[in-house]
């Protein structure tokens, strides 16, 4: 499925989307606002668990969309820094629904083949559930990642998109 990265271009090259829930955040921030809650030390340890899995998956994110919340920005910065991806902060992703997340993804230019999105529950879980064609909604835990591949243009992404989805979380990796 990774022929789009080999230099061969088709009408609909394979797109890769990482749907990522931010790492574990502090219960409260210094100023008491939700948007300023930082990652915990445990979240940084979970990054070290998730990094090898991310590397093992096809593609590398060219762009990383992130909510402006401290915890999502800190998570996105780990990913974009490691992969040397462009980080794009979007206020509309803060506590966004799956529909808002889909709308943001649809705006991606077609020459961007690999995209990561770091945001919040319940939106990321609902989006991952729909792309995985699950009858019951799944729950992405902190640092939970859905790696999705499909061969349609970004602008056609919908809850009915037929995607190949792989899921991972720090807990699922630790128990292997």
Protein backbone atom coordinates (compact mmCIF):
# COMPACT_ATOMS: atom_id res chain seq x y z
CA UNK A 1 0.00 0.00 0.00
CA UNK A 2 2.95 2.39 0.22
CA UNK A 3 3.52 2.76 -3.52
CA UNK A 4 2.87 6.51 -3.28
CA UNK A 5 6.15 6.86 -1.39
CA UNK A 6 8.14 5.02 -4.07
CA UNK A 7 7.88 7.88 -6.55
CA UNK A 8 5.07 6.19 -8.47
CA UNK A 9 2.01 8.41 -8.49
CA UNK A 10 -1.45 7.05 -9.10
CA UNK A 11 -4.78 8.81 -9.44
CA UNK A 12 -5.43 8.21 -5.73
CA UNK A 13 -2.19 7.59 -3.86
CA UNK A 14 -2.39 6.01 -0.44
CA UNK A 15 -3.04 8.50 2.34
CA UNK A 16 -1.89 7.86 5.89
CA UNK A 17 -3.60 9.49 8.84
CA UNK A 18 -2.52 9.18 12.47
CA UNK A 19 -5.36 10.03 14.86
CA UNK A 20 -3.68 10.67 18.20
CA UNK A 21 -5.08 11.44 21.60
CA UNK A 22 -2.75 13.65 23.61
CA UNK A 23 -0.61 12.21 26.39
CA UNK A 24 -1.72 12.10 30.02
CA UNK A 25 -2.21 15.60 31.44
CA UNK A 26 -2.01 17.10 34.90
CA UNK A 27 -5.31 17.13 36.77
CA UNK A 28 -5.17 20.91 37.11
CA UNK A 29 -3.01 23.69 35.75
CA UNK A 30 -1.42 26.54 37.67
CA UNK A 31 -4.07 28.95 36.43
CA UNK A 32 -6.95 26.44 36.81
CA UNK A 33 -7.84 26.46 33.10
CA UNK A 34 -8.28 23.22 31.15
CA UNK A 35 -6.47 24.51 28.07
CA UNK A 36 -3.24 25.09 30.02
CA UNK A 37 -2.89 21.62 31.56
CA UNK A 38 0.59 20.25 30.77
CA UNK A 39 1.71 16.70 30.12
CA UNK A 40 2.76 14.61 33.10
CA UNK A 41 6.11 12.86 33.43
CA UNK A 42 4.23 9.63 32.73
CA UNK A 43 3.16 11.05 29.35
CA UNK A 44 6.83 11.56 28.41
CA UNK A 45 7.56 7.94 29.40
CA UNK A 46 4.59 6.83 27.26
CA UNK A 47 6.11 8.70 24.29
CA UNK A 48 9.19 6.50 24.61
CA UNK A 49 6.88 3.44 24.47
CA UNK A 50 4.90 4.73 21.47
CA UNK A 51 7.85 6.01 19.41
CA UNK A 52 9.06 2.56 18.19
CA UNK A 53 5.49 1.65 17.17
CA UNK A 54 5.08 4.92 15.26
CA UNK A 55 8.39 4.33 13.48
CA UNK A 56 7.33 0.79 12.54
CA UNK A 57 4.20 1.99 10.75
CA UNK A 58 4.25 2.96 7.06
CA UNK A 59 4.87 6.61 6.28
CA UNK A 60 6.00 9.62 8.29
CA UNK A 61 3.71 12.55 9.00
CA UNK A 62 4.49 15.52 6.77
CA UNK A 63 2.10 17.75 8.73
CA UNK A 64 0.86 17.51 12.32
CA UNK A 65 -2.40 19.28 13.14
CA UNK A 66 -2.84 20.08 16.83
CA UNK A 67 -5.28 21.68 19.19
CA UNK A 68 -3.79 24.71 21.00
CA UNK A 69 -4.22 23.07 24.42
CA UNK A 70 -0.88 22.69 26.21
CA UNK A 71 -1.18 18.90 26.44
CA UNK A 72 -1.93 18.46 22.72
CA UNK A 73 0.77 20.92 21.68
CA UNK A 74 3.34 19.15 23.85
CA UNK A 75 2.31 15.79 22.38
CA UNK A 76 2.36 17.18 18.82
CA UNK A 77 5.77 18.79 19.38
CA UNK A 78 7.24 15.40 20.33
CA UNK A 79 5.92 13.88 17.10
CA UNK A 80 6.66 16.79 14.75
CA UNK A 81 10.13 17.22 16.24
CA UNK A 82 10.99 13.56 15.83
CA UNK A 83 9.70 13.32 12.24
CA UNK A 84 10.68 16.89 11.28
CA UNK A 85 7.04 17.55 10.36
CA UNK A 86 5.33 20.89 10.00
CA UNK A 87 3.25 21.65 13.10
CA UNK A 88 -0.06 23.40 12.40
CA UNK A 89 -2.01 24.69 15.40
CA UNK A 90 -5.76 25.07 14.92
CA UNK A 91 -7.99 26.60 17.63
CA UNK A 92 -10.96 24.72 16.13
CA UNK A 93 -9.44 21.40 17.21
CA UNK A 94 -9.74 22.20 20.94
CA UNK A 95 -12.32 19.70 22.25
CA UNK A 96 -13.54 19.22 18.65
CA UNK A 97 -16.16 16.71 17.57
CA UNK A 98 -15.39 14.04 14.98
CA UNK A 99 -17.20 16.16 12.35
CA UNK A 100 -14.94 19.15 13.01
CA UNK A 101 -11.86 16.90 12.89
CA UNK A 102 -13.01 15.46 9.55
CA UNK A 103 -13.57 18.97 8.17
CA UNK A 104 -10.01 19.96 9.13
CA UNK A 105 -8.53 16.84 7.58
CA UNK A 106 -10.51 17.43 4.36
CA UNK A 107 -8.74 20.77 3.94
CA UNK A 108 -5.36 19.03 3.55
CA UNK A 109 -3.72 19.55 0.14
CA UNK A 110 -3.47 16.41 -1.97
CA UNK A 111 0.32 16.61 -2.14
CA UNK A 112 0.45 15.92 1.62
CA UNK A 113 0.25 12.13 1.80
CA UNK A 114 0.92 11.56 5.50
CA UNK A 115 -0.84 13.55 8.20
CA UNK A 116 -1.09 13.35 11.99
CA UNK A 117 -3.84 14.92 14.05
CA UNK A 118 -3.43 15.39 17.82
CA UNK A 119 -6.62 16.28 19.65
CA UNK A 120 -9.03 15.31 22.41
CA UNK A 121 -11.69 12.79 23.35
CA UNK A 122 -14.45 12.15 22.57
CA UNK A 123 -13.74 13.50 19.05
CA UNK A 124 -10.61 11.42 18.33
CA UNK A 125 -12.25 8.22 19.59
CA UNK A 126 -15.39 8.83 17.52
CA UNK A 127 -13.35 9.53 14.39
CA UNK A 128 -11.12 6.47 14.86
CA UNK A 129 -14.17 4.28 15.53
CA UNK A 130 -15.90 5.39 12.34
CA UNK A 131 -12.82 4.92 10.12
CA UNK A 132 -12.26 1.47 11.66
CA UNK A 133 -15.92 0.70 10.78
CA UNK A 134 -16.62 -0.35 14.38
CA UNK A 135 -20.21 -0.92 15.40
CA UNK A 136 -19.55 0.14 18.98
CA UNK A 137 -17.49 3.25 19.70
CA UNK A 138 -13.94 2.69 20.87
CA UNK A 139 -12.16 4.71 23.51
CA UNK A 140 -8.67 5.96 22.68
CA UNK A 141 -6.74 6.28 25.94
CA UNK A 142 -4.09 8.94 26.43
CA UNK A 143 -1.36 8.44 23.82
CA UNK A 144 -3.77 6.13 21.96
CA UNK A 145 -3.10 6.14 18.22
CA UNK A 146 -5.15 4.98 15.24
CA UNK A 147 -2.96 4.59 12.14
CA UNK A 148 -5.31 4.76 9.14
CA UNK A 149 -4.59 4.20 5.45
CA UNK A 150 -6.98 4.74 2.56
CA UNK A 151 -6.74 5.45 -1.14
CA UNK A 152 -9.20 8.30 -1.58
CA UNK A 153 -8.51 12.05 -1.63
CA UNK A 154 -8.50 13.94 1.68
CA UNK A 155 -11.49 16.03 0.62
CA UNK A 156 -13.66 12.90 0.38
CA UNK A 157 -12.89 11.67 3.92
CA UNK A 158 -16.07 10.72 5.75
CA UNK A 159 -17.29 8.32 8.42
CA UNK A 160 -17.90 5.84 5.58
CA UNK A 161 -14.31 5.94 4.25
CA UNK A 162 -12.96 2.43 3.93
CA UNK A 163 -9.68 2.61 5.84
CA UNK A 164 -7.17 0.04 7.01
CA UNK A 165 -6.76 0.86 10.71
CA UNK A 166 -4.13 -0.25 13.22
CA UNK A 167 -4.51 0.72 16.87
CA UNK A 168 -1.98 1.05 19.66
CA UNK A 169 -1.65 2.53 23.12
CA UNK A 170 1.06 2.39 25.78
CA UNK A 171 -0.92 -0.27 27.65
CA UNK A 172 -1.42 -2.48 24.56
CA UNK A 173 2.29 -2.28 23.74
CA UNK A 174 3.38 -3.00 27.33
CA UNK A 175 1.22 -6.16 27.46
CA UNK A 176 2.71 -7.64 24.25
